[in-house]
Amino acid sequence: MAGKLMSAQTTRGSGKHPNSHAREVALQAIYQQEIANTPVHEVLEFRWLNEPLTPPVREYCIGLITGVTDHWEALDDVIKAFSHKHITQISVINRCILRTAIYELMQAQLDPAIIMDDALNLTRKYDGEDSVAFVNGILDPFEKERRNADRPE
């Protein structure tokens, strides 16, 4: 994945993981692409943010946004494979959270528990507690299958 990876340790005193802010901004950007069909080059200008991003957050964010954008259809195929709902029945925000988390899990560069924890926290924040089990019900089996596929026989 493009972008500098931050330590997997939790940021001191914040209760958040180091890449949490980048994930949230990336989610907002991906949501803009989905809802308003905003071109990726416009989203990546970050003019819609109230405050500028620090260079490491910006770099990580760009990696997530471009990665999800470049693999949109493949990510949706994963969602379809692990969901009992038709993809159009999944809220837009949850589809965006799932795309971002699945992309990041596929990169296998950070602790999956941290990625999934952030995805579930974003689900709570943007869609509510009722959706957490649904999102976890896709991410958890996907990660288990991915991890098992990576094991040598």
N, C-alpha and C. Protein backbone atom coordinates (compact mmCIF):
# COMPACT_ATOMS: atom_id res chain seq x y z
N MET A 1 0.85 -1.16 0.00
CA MET A 1 0.00 0.00 0.00
C MET A 1 0.89 1.22 0.00
N ALA A 2 0.50 2.22 -0.78
CA ALA A 2 1.25 3.46 -0.78
C ALA A 2 1.08 4.13 0.56
N GLY A 3 2.05 4.86 0.98
CA GLY A 3 1.93 5.61 2.22
C GLY A 3 2.78 4.99 3.31
N LYS A 4 3.26 5.85 4.18
CA LYS A 4 4.07 5.42 5.29
C LYS A 4 3.17 4.80 6.35
N LEU A 5 3.51 3.63 6.79
CA LEU A 5 2.73 2.96 7.82
C LEU A 5 3.19 3.44 9.18
N MET A 6 2.24 3.81 10.00
CA MET A 6 2.57 4.24 11.34
C MET A 6 2.62 3.03 12.25
N SER A 7 3.19 3.18 13.39
CA SER A 7 3.28 2.10 14.36
C SER A 7 1.91 1.54 14.69
N ALA A 8 1.86 0.27 14.98
CA ALA A 8 0.59 -0.37 15.32
C ALA A 8 0.17 -0.07 16.75
N GLN A 9 1.01 0.59 17.51
CA GLN A 9 0.65 0.93 18.88
C GLN A 9 -0.39 2.04 18.88
N THR A 10 -1.17 2.07 19.95
CA THR A 10 -2.19 3.10 20.09
C THR A 10 -1.51 4.43 20.39
N THR A 11 -2.04 5.50 19.79
CA THR A 11 -1.52 6.83 20.05
C THR A 11 -1.74 7.16 21.52
N ARG A 12 -0.72 7.68 22.18
CA ARG A 12 -0.80 7.97 23.60
C ARG A 12 -1.94 8.90 23.95
N GLY A 13 -2.72 8.46 24.92
CA GLY A 13 -3.75 9.32 25.47
C GLY A 13 -4.97 9.52 24.61
N SER A 14 -4.93 9.15 23.35
CA SER A 14 -6.06 9.44 22.48
C SER A 14 -7.08 8.32 22.46
N GLY A 15 -6.67 7.09 22.80
CA GLY A 15 -7.57 5.96 22.74
C GLY A 15 -7.82 5.50 21.32
N LYS A 16 -7.11 6.09 20.38
CA LYS A 16 -7.26 5.72 18.97
C LYS A 16 -5.95 5.13 18.47
N HIS A 17 -6.07 4.39 17.41
CA HIS A 17 -4.89 3.84 16.76
C HIS A 17 -4.25 4.94 15.92
N PRO A 18 -2.95 4.84 15.65
CA PRO A 18 -2.25 5.90 14.91
C PRO A 18 -2.86 6.24 13.54
N ASN A 19 -3.42 5.26 12.85
CA ASN A 19 -3.96 5.54 11.53
C ASN A 19 -5.47 5.81 11.54
N SER A 20 -6.06 5.93 12.71
CA SER A 20 -7.52 6.12 12.81
C SER A 20 -7.98 7.37 12.07
N HIS A 21 -7.27 8.46 12.25
CA HIS A 21 -7.67 9.70 11.59
C HIS A 21 -7.61 9.56 10.07
N ALA A 22 -6.55 8.94 9.59
CA ALA A 22 -6.42 8.73 8.14
C ALA A 22 -7.55 7.85 7.62
N ARG A 23 -7.92 6.83 8.37
CA ARG A 23 -9.03 5.96 7.96
C ARG A 23 -10.34 6.73 7.90
N GLU A 24 -10.56 7.59 8.87
CA GLU A 24 -11.80 8.36 8.89
C GLU A 24 -11.87 9.35 7.73
N VAL A 25 -10.78 10.03 7.45
CA VAL A 25 -10.75 10.96 6.31
C VAL A 25 -10.90 10.20 5.00
N ALA A 26 -10.23 9.06 4.88
CA ALA A 26 -10.37 8.24 3.67
C ALA A 26 -11.82 7.81 3.50
N LEU A 27 -12.46 7.40 4.59
CA LEU A 27 -13.87 7.02 4.53
C LEU A 27 -14.72 8.17 4.00
N GLN A 28 -14.49 9.37 4.48
CA GLN A 28 -15.25 10.53 4.03
C GLN A 28 -15.02 10.79 2.54
N ALA A 29 -13.80 10.60 2.10
CA ALA A 29 -13.48 10.80 0.68
C ALA A 29 -14.15 9.75 -0.20
N ILE A 30 -14.10 8.51 0.24
CA ILE A 30 -14.70 7.41 -0.52
C ILE A 30 -16.22 7.57 -0.56
N TYR A 31 -16.78 8.06 0.52
CA TYR A 31 -18.22 8.34 0.58
C TYR A 31 -18.58 9.42 -0.44
N GLN A 32 -17.75 10.45 -0.54
CA GLN A 32 -17.98 11.50 -1.55
C GLN A 32 -17.97 10.93 -2.96
N GLN A 33 -17.05 10.02 -3.21
CA GLN A 33 -16.98 9.40 -4.52
C GLN A 33 -18.27 8.62 -4.81
N GLU A 34 -18.77 7.92 -3.80
CA GLU A 34 -19.96 7.09 -3.97
C GLU A 34 -21.22 7.95 -4.13
N ILE A 35 -21.40 8.92 -3.26
CA ILE A 35 -22.63 9.72 -3.23
C ILE A 35 -22.68 10.76 -4.34
N ALA A 36 -21.61 11.53 -4.46
CA ALA A 36 -21.60 12.66 -5.39
C ALA A 36 -20.84 12.37 -6.67
N ASN A 37 -20.30 11.15 -6.79
CA ASN A 37 -19.49 10.79 -7.95
C ASN A 37 -18.35 11.79 -8.16
N THR A 38 -17.78 12.23 -7.03
CA THR A 38 -16.67 13.19 -7.07
C THR A 38 -15.44 12.49 -7.62
N PRO A 39 -14.82 13.07 -8.65
CA PRO A 39 -13.61 12.44 -9.21
C PRO A 39 -12.50 12.33 -8.16
N VAL A 40 -11.74 11.26 -8.23
CA VAL A 40 -10.70 11.00 -7.24
C VAL A 40 -9.69 12.14 -7.16
N HIS A 41 -9.36 12.75 -8.28
CA HIS A 41 -8.37 13.84 -8.24
C HIS A 41 -8.88 15.03 -7.43
N GLU A 42 -10.19 15.27 -7.45
CA GLU A 42 -10.76 16.36 -6.64
C GLU A 42 -10.78 15.99 -5.16
N VAL A 43 -11.13 14.76 -4.88
CA VAL A 43 -11.16 14.30 -3.50
C VAL A 43 -9.77 14.42 -2.88
N LEU A 44 -8.75 14.05 -3.67
CA LEU A 44 -7.38 14.04 -3.16
C LEU A 44 -6.79 15.43 -2.94
N GLU A 45 -7.51 16.46 -3.35
CA GLU A 45 -7.07 17.83 -3.04
C GLU A 45 -7.39 18.20 -1.60
N PHE A 46 -8.31 17.49 -0.98
CA PHE A 46 -8.70 17.67 0.41
C PHE A 46 -9.17 19.09 0.72
N ARG A 47 -9.70 19.80 -0.26
CA ARG A 47 -10.24 21.14 -0.03
C ARG A 47 -11.46 21.12 0.86
N TRP A 48 -12.09 19.98 0.99
CA TRP A 48 -13.30 19.83 1.77
C TRP A 48 -13.03 19.68 3.27
N LEU A 49 -11.77 19.54 3.65
CA LEU A 49 -11.42 19.42 5.07
C LEU A 49 -11.29 20.80 5.71
N ASN A 50 -11.63 20.88 6.98
CA ASN A 50 -11.51 22.14 7.72
C ASN A 50 -10.07 22.45 8.10
N GLU A 51 -9.27 21.40 8.32
CA GLU A 51 -7.88 21.58 8.73
C GLU A 51 -6.99 20.72 7.84
N PRO A 52 -5.78 21.21 7.57
CA PRO A 52 -4.87 20.41 6.74
C PRO A 52 -4.43 19.14 7.49
N LEU A 53 -4.11 18.13 6.72
CA LEU A 53 -3.62 16.88 7.28
C LEU A 53 -2.12 16.94 7.48
N THR A 54 -1.63 16.27 8.51
CA THR A 54 -0.18 16.17 8.66
C THR A 54 0.34 15.29 7.51
N PRO A 55 1.59 15.47 7.13
CA PRO A 55 2.11 14.68 6.00
C PRO A 55 1.93 13.16 6.14
N PRO A 56 2.19 12.54 7.32
CA PRO A 56 2.00 11.08 7.39
C PRO A 56 0.53 10.68 7.24
N VAL A 57 -0.38 11.45 7.82
CA VAL A 57 -1.80 11.14 7.72
C VAL A 57 -2.26 11.32 6.28
N ARG A 58 -1.82 12.39 5.65
CA ARG A 58 -2.18 12.65 4.24
C ARG A 58 -1.69 11.51 3.35
N GLU A 59 -0.45 11.09 3.55
CA GLU A 59 0.14 10.04 2.72
C GLU A 59 -0.63 8.71 2.90
N TYR A 60 -0.93 8.37 4.14
CA TYR A 60 -1.66 7.13 4.40
C TYR A 60 -3.06 7.20 3.81
N CYS A 61 -3.68 8.35 3.97
CA CYS A 61 -5.02 8.58 3.45
C CYS A 61 -5.06 8.43 1.92
N ILE A 62 -4.11 9.02 1.26
CA ILE A 62 -4.03 8.93 -0.20
C ILE A 62 -3.88 7.47 -0.62
N GLY A 63 -3.05 6.72 0.10
CA GLY A 63 -2.88 5.29 -0.20
C GLY A 63 -4.19 4.53 -0.08
N LEU A 64 -4.96 4.82 0.97
CA LEU A 64 -6.25 4.15 1.14
C LEU A 64 -7.24 4.55 0.05
N ILE A 65 -7.34 5.83 -0.22
CA ILE A 65 -8.32 6.32 -1.20
C ILE A 65 -8.01 5.77 -2.59
N THR A 66 -6.77 5.88 -3.01
CA THR A 66 -6.42 5.39 -4.35
C THR A 66 -6.52 3.87 -4.42
N GLY A 67 -6.15 3.18 -3.34
CA GLY A 67 -6.26 1.72 -3.33
C GLY A 67 -7.70 1.27 -3.46
N VAL A 68 -8.59 1.88 -2.69
CA VAL A 68 -10.01 1.51 -2.78
C VAL A 68 -10.55 1.86 -4.16
N THR A 69 -10.22 3.03 -4.65
CA THR A 69 -10.71 3.46 -5.96
C THR A 69 -10.23 2.51 -7.07
N ASP A 70 -8.97 2.13 -7.01
CA ASP A 70 -8.40 1.24 -8.03
C ASP A 70 -8.97 -0.18 -7.97
N HIS A 71 -9.47 -0.59 -6.81
CA HIS A 71 -9.94 -1.97 -6.62
C HIS A 71 -11.42 -2.04 -6.27
N TRP A 72 -12.17 -1.00 -6.58
CA TRP A 72 -13.58 -0.85 -6.20
C TRP A 72 -14.40 -2.10 -6.50
N GLU A 73 -14.35 -2.57 -7.74
CA GLU A 73 -15.17 -3.72 -8.14
C GLU A 73 -14.75 -5.00 -7.41
N ALA A 74 -13.47 -5.23 -7.27
CA ALA A 74 -13.00 -6.42 -6.56
C ALA A 74 -13.41 -6.37 -5.09
N LEU A 75 -13.37 -5.19 -4.49
CA LEU A 75 -13.79 -5.04 -3.09
C LEU A 75 -15.28 -5.30 -2.96
N ASP A 76 -16.06 -4.80 -3.92
CA ASP A 76 -17.50 -5.07 -3.90
C ASP A 76 -17.78 -6.56 -4.07
N ASP A 77 -16.96 -7.24 -4.87
CA ASP A 77 -17.13 -8.69 -5.03
C ASP A 77 -16.91 -9.42 -3.70
N VAL A 78 -15.95 -8.95 -2.91
CA VAL A 78 -15.72 -9.54 -1.60
C VAL A 78 -16.93 -9.30 -0.70
N ILE A 79 -17.44 -8.08 -0.70
CA ILE A 79 -18.62 -7.76 0.11
C ILE A 79 -19.78 -8.67 -0.28
N LYS A 80 -20.00 -8.82 -1.58
CA LYS A 80 -21.09 -9.68 -2.06
C LYS A 80 -20.90 -11.13 -1.61
N ALA A 81 -19.67 -11.59 -1.64
CA ALA A 81 -19.39 -12.99 -1.28
C ALA A 81 -19.63 -13.28 0.20
N PHE A 82 -19.46 -12.28 1.06
CA PHE A 82 -19.57 -12.50 2.50
C PHE A 82 -20.85 -11.94 3.12
N SER A 83 -21.69 -11.30 2.31
CA SER A 83 -22.91 -10.70 2.84
C SER A 83 -24.13 -11.54 2.49
N HIS A 84 -25.07 -11.60 3.40
CA HIS A 84 -26.35 -12.26 3.13
C HIS A 84 -27.32 -11.29 2.47
N LYS A 85 -26.94 -10.01 2.39
CA LYS A 85 -27.78 -8.99 1.76
C LYS A 85 -27.25 -8.69 0.36
N HIS A 86 -28.13 -8.24 -0.50
CA HIS A 86 -27.68 -7.72 -1.80
C HIS A 86 -26.91 -6.44 -1.52
N ILE A 87 -25.89 -6.16 -2.28
CA ILE A 87 -25.03 -5.01 -2.01
C ILE A 87 -25.81 -3.69 -2.00
N THR A 88 -26.88 -3.60 -2.78
CA THR A 88 -27.67 -2.36 -2.80
C THR A 88 -28.50 -2.20 -1.53
N GLN A 89 -28.62 -3.26 -0.73
CA GLN A 89 -29.35 -3.18 0.53
C GLN A 89 -28.45 -2.76 1.69
N ILE A 90 -27.16 -2.68 1.44
CA ILE A 90 -26.19 -2.25 2.45
C ILE A 90 -26.08 -0.74 2.36
N SER A 91 -26.15 -0.05 3.48
CA SER A 91 -26.07 1.41 3.45
C SER A 91 -24.78 1.86 2.78
N VAL A 92 -24.82 3.00 2.16
CA VAL A 92 -23.65 3.53 1.46
C VAL A 92 -22.47 3.67 2.41
N ILE A 93 -22.72 4.18 3.60
CA ILE A 93 -21.61 4.37 4.54
C ILE A 93 -20.99 3.03 4.93
N ASN A 94 -21.82 2.01 5.13
CA ASN A 94 -21.27 0.70 5.47
C ASN A 94 -20.51 0.09 4.30
N ARG A 95 -20.98 0.29 3.08
CA ARG A 95 -20.22 -0.20 1.92
C ARG A 95 -18.85 0.48 1.87
N CYS A 96 -18.82 1.77 2.14
CA CYS A 96 -17.55 2.50 2.12
C CYS A 96 -16.61 2.03 3.23
N ILE A 97 -17.16 1.81 4.43
CA ILE A 97 -16.36 1.28 5.54
C ILE A 97 -15.81 -0.09 5.18
N LEU A 98 -16.67 -0.95 4.64
CA LEU A 98 -16.25 -2.30 4.27
C LEU A 98 -15.18 -2.27 3.17
N ARG A 99 -15.36 -1.46 2.15
CA ARG A 99 -14.35 -1.38 1.08
C ARG A 99 -13.00 -0.98 1.65
N THR A 100 -13.00 0.03 2.50
CA THR A 100 -11.75 0.53 3.05
C THR A 100 -11.08 -0.52 3.93
N ALA A 101 -11.84 -1.14 4.81
CA ALA A 101 -11.27 -2.14 5.71
C ALA A 101 -10.79 -3.37 4.94
N ILE A 102 -11.58 -3.84 4.00
CA ILE A 102 -11.18 -5.01 3.22
C ILE A 102 -9.91 -4.72 2.43
N TYR A 103 -9.84 -3.54 1.82
CA TYR A 103 -8.63 -3.18 1.08
C TYR A 103 -7.42 -3.21 2.02
N GLU A 104 -7.57 -2.61 3.18
CA GLU A 104 -6.44 -2.55 4.11
C GLU A 104 -6.08 -3.95 4.63
N LEU A 105 -7.07 -4.77 4.89
CA LEU A 105 -6.80 -6.15 5.32
C LEU A 105 -6.08 -6.94 4.22
N MET A 106 -6.45 -6.70 2.98
CA MET A 106 -5.82 -7.40 1.86
C MET A 106 -4.34 -7.05 1.72
N GLN A 107 -3.97 -5.88 2.20
CA GLN A 107 -2.57 -5.46 2.12
C GLN A 107 -1.71 -6.22 3.13
N ALA A 108 -2.33 -6.71 4.20
CA ALA A 108 -1.66 -7.53 5.22
C ALA A 108 -0.40 -6.86 5.76
N GLN A 109 -0.45 -5.55 5.96
CA GLN A 109 0.72 -4.84 6.46
C GLN A 109 0.57 -4.39 7.91
N LEU A 110 -0.64 -4.41 8.42
CA LEU A 110 -0.90 -4.00 9.80
C LEU A 110 -1.71 -5.07 10.51
N ASP A 111 -1.74 -4.99 11.82
CA ASP A 111 -2.51 -5.92 12.62
C ASP A 111 -3.98 -5.86 12.22
N PRO A 112 -4.54 -6.98 11.75
CA PRO A 112 -5.95 -7.00 11.34
C PRO A 112 -6.91 -6.57 12.45
N ALA A 113 -6.57 -6.88 13.69
CA ALA A 113 -7.45 -6.50 14.81
C ALA A 113 -7.60 -4.99 14.89
N ILE A 114 -6.54 -4.26 14.63
CA ILE A 114 -6.59 -2.80 14.69
C ILE A 114 -7.44 -2.26 13.54
N ILE A 115 -7.24 -2.79 12.35
CA ILE A 115 -8.01 -2.36 11.19
C ILE A 115 -9.49 -2.62 11.42
N MET A 116 -9.81 -3.80 11.90
CA MET A 116 -11.21 -4.16 12.14
C MET A 116 -11.80 -3.33 13.27
N ASP A 117 -11.03 -3.09 14.32
CA ASP A 117 -11.52 -2.27 15.43
C ASP A 117 -11.87 -0.86 14.95
N ASP A 118 -11.00 -0.28 14.15
CA ASP A 118 -11.28 1.05 13.60
C ASP A 118 -12.52 1.03 12.71
N ALA A 119 -12.66 -0.01 11.89
CA ALA A 119 -13.83 -0.11 11.01
C ALA A 119 -15.12 -0.18 11.84
N LEU A 120 -15.08 -0.95 12.91
CA LEU A 120 -16.27 -1.06 13.76
C LEU A 120 -16.56 0.24 14.50
N ASN A 121 -15.51 0.94 14.92
CA ASN A 121 -15.71 2.25 15.55
C ASN A 121 -16.30 3.26 14.57
N LEU A 122 -15.84 3.23 13.32
CA LEU A 122 -16.41 4.12 12.30
C LEU A 122 -17.86 3.76 12.02
N THR A 123 -18.17 2.48 12.05
CA THR A 123 -19.55 2.04 11.86
C THR A 123 -20.43 2.59 12.98
N ARG A 124 -19.95 2.47 14.22
CA ARG A 124 -20.70 3.01 15.36
C ARG A 124 -20.93 4.52 15.19
N LYS A 125 -19.89 5.21 14.79
CA LYS A 125 -19.96 6.67 14.69
C LYS A 125 -20.88 7.13 13.56
N TYR A 126 -20.80 6.48 12.41
CA TYR A 126 -21.52 6.98 11.23
C TYR A 126 -22.82 6.25 10.92
N ASP A 127 -23.03 5.05 11.46
CA ASP A 127 -24.27 4.34 11.14
C ASP A 127 -24.97 3.80 12.38
N GLY A 128 -24.29 3.68 13.48
CA GLY A 128 -24.93 3.24 14.71
C GLY A 128 -24.57 1.83 15.11
N GLU A 129 -24.84 1.56 16.37
CA GLU A 129 -24.50 0.27 16.98
C GLU A 129 -25.16 -0.91 16.28
N ASP A 130 -26.36 -0.71 15.76
CA ASP A 130 -27.08 -1.80 15.11
C ASP A 130 -26.34 -2.38 13.90
N SER A 131 -25.50 -1.60 13.27
CA SER A 131 -24.78 -2.04 12.08
C SER A 131 -23.44 -2.71 12.37
N VAL A 132 -22.97 -2.60 13.60
CA VAL A 132 -21.66 -3.13 13.95
C VAL A 132 -21.58 -4.65 13.72
N ALA A 133 -22.60 -5.37 14.16
CA ALA A 133 -22.59 -6.83 13.99
C ALA A 133 -22.57 -7.21 12.51
N PHE A 134 -23.29 -6.47 11.68
CA PHE A 134 -23.31 -6.76 10.24
C PHE A 134 -21.91 -6.56 9.63
N VAL A 135 -21.29 -5.42 9.92
CA VAL A 135 -19.96 -5.13 9.37
C VAL A 135 -18.95 -6.16 9.89
N ASN A 136 -19.01 -6.46 11.18
CA ASN A 136 -18.11 -7.47 11.74
C ASN A 136 -18.37 -8.85 11.13
N GLY A 137 -19.63 -9.13 10.80
CA GLY A 137 -20.00 -10.40 10.20
C GLY A 137 -19.46 -10.58 8.79
N ILE A 138 -19.00 -9.52 8.18
CA ILE A 138 -18.33 -9.62 6.88
C ILE A 138 -16.82 -9.60 7.06
N LEU A 139 -16.32 -8.68 7.88
CA LEU A 139 -14.88 -8.54 8.03
C LEU A 139 -14.23 -9.74 8.72
N ASP A 140 -14.86 -10.26 9.76
CA ASP A 140 -14.25 -11.37 10.50
C ASP A 140 -14.08 -12.62 9.65
N PRO A 141 -15.12 -13.12 8.98
CA PRO A 141 -14.90 -14.31 8.15
C PRO A 141 -13.98 -14.05 6.96
N PHE A 142 -14.02 -12.83 6.41
CA PHE A 142 -13.10 -12.51 5.32
C PHE A 142 -11.66 -12.61 5.80
N GLU A 143 -11.39 -12.02 6.97
CA GLU A 143 -10.02 -12.05 7.49
C GLU A 143 -9.59 -13.46 7.83
N LYS A 144 -10.48 -14.26 8.40
CA LYS A 144 -10.13 -15.65 8.70
C LYS A 144 -9.81 -16.42 7.43
N GLU A 145 -10.60 -16.24 6.40
CA GLU A 145 -10.35 -16.93 5.13
C GLU A 145 -9.04 -16.45 4.50
N ARG A 146 -8.79 -15.15 4.56
CA ARG A 146 -7.55 -14.59 4.01
C ARG A 146 -6.34 -15.14 4.75
N ARG A 147 -6.44 -15.19 6.05
CA ARG A 147 -5.34 -15.68 6.89
C ARG A 147 -5.09 -17.18 6.62
N ASN A 148 -6.15 -17.95 6.49
CA ASN A 148 -6.00 -19.38 6.20
C ASN A 148 -5.41 -19.62 4.81
N ALA A 149 -5.75 -18.77 3.87
CA ALA A 149 -5.21 -18.90 2.51
C ALA A 149 -3.71 -18.60 2.48
N ASP A 150 -3.25 -17.76 3.42
CA ASP A 150 -1.84 -17.38 3.47
C ASP A 150 -0.97 -18.43 4.15
N ARG A 151 -1.60 -19.38 4.86
CA ARG A 151 -0.83 -20.41 5.58
C ARG A 151 -0.28 -21.44 4.61
N PRO A 152 0.98 -21.82 4.79
CA PRO A 152 1.54 -22.88 3.95
C PRO A 152 0.92 -24.22 4.36
N GLU A 153 0.74 -25.08 3.38
CA GLU A 153 0.12 -26.39 3.67
C GLU A 153 1.13 -27.42 4.05
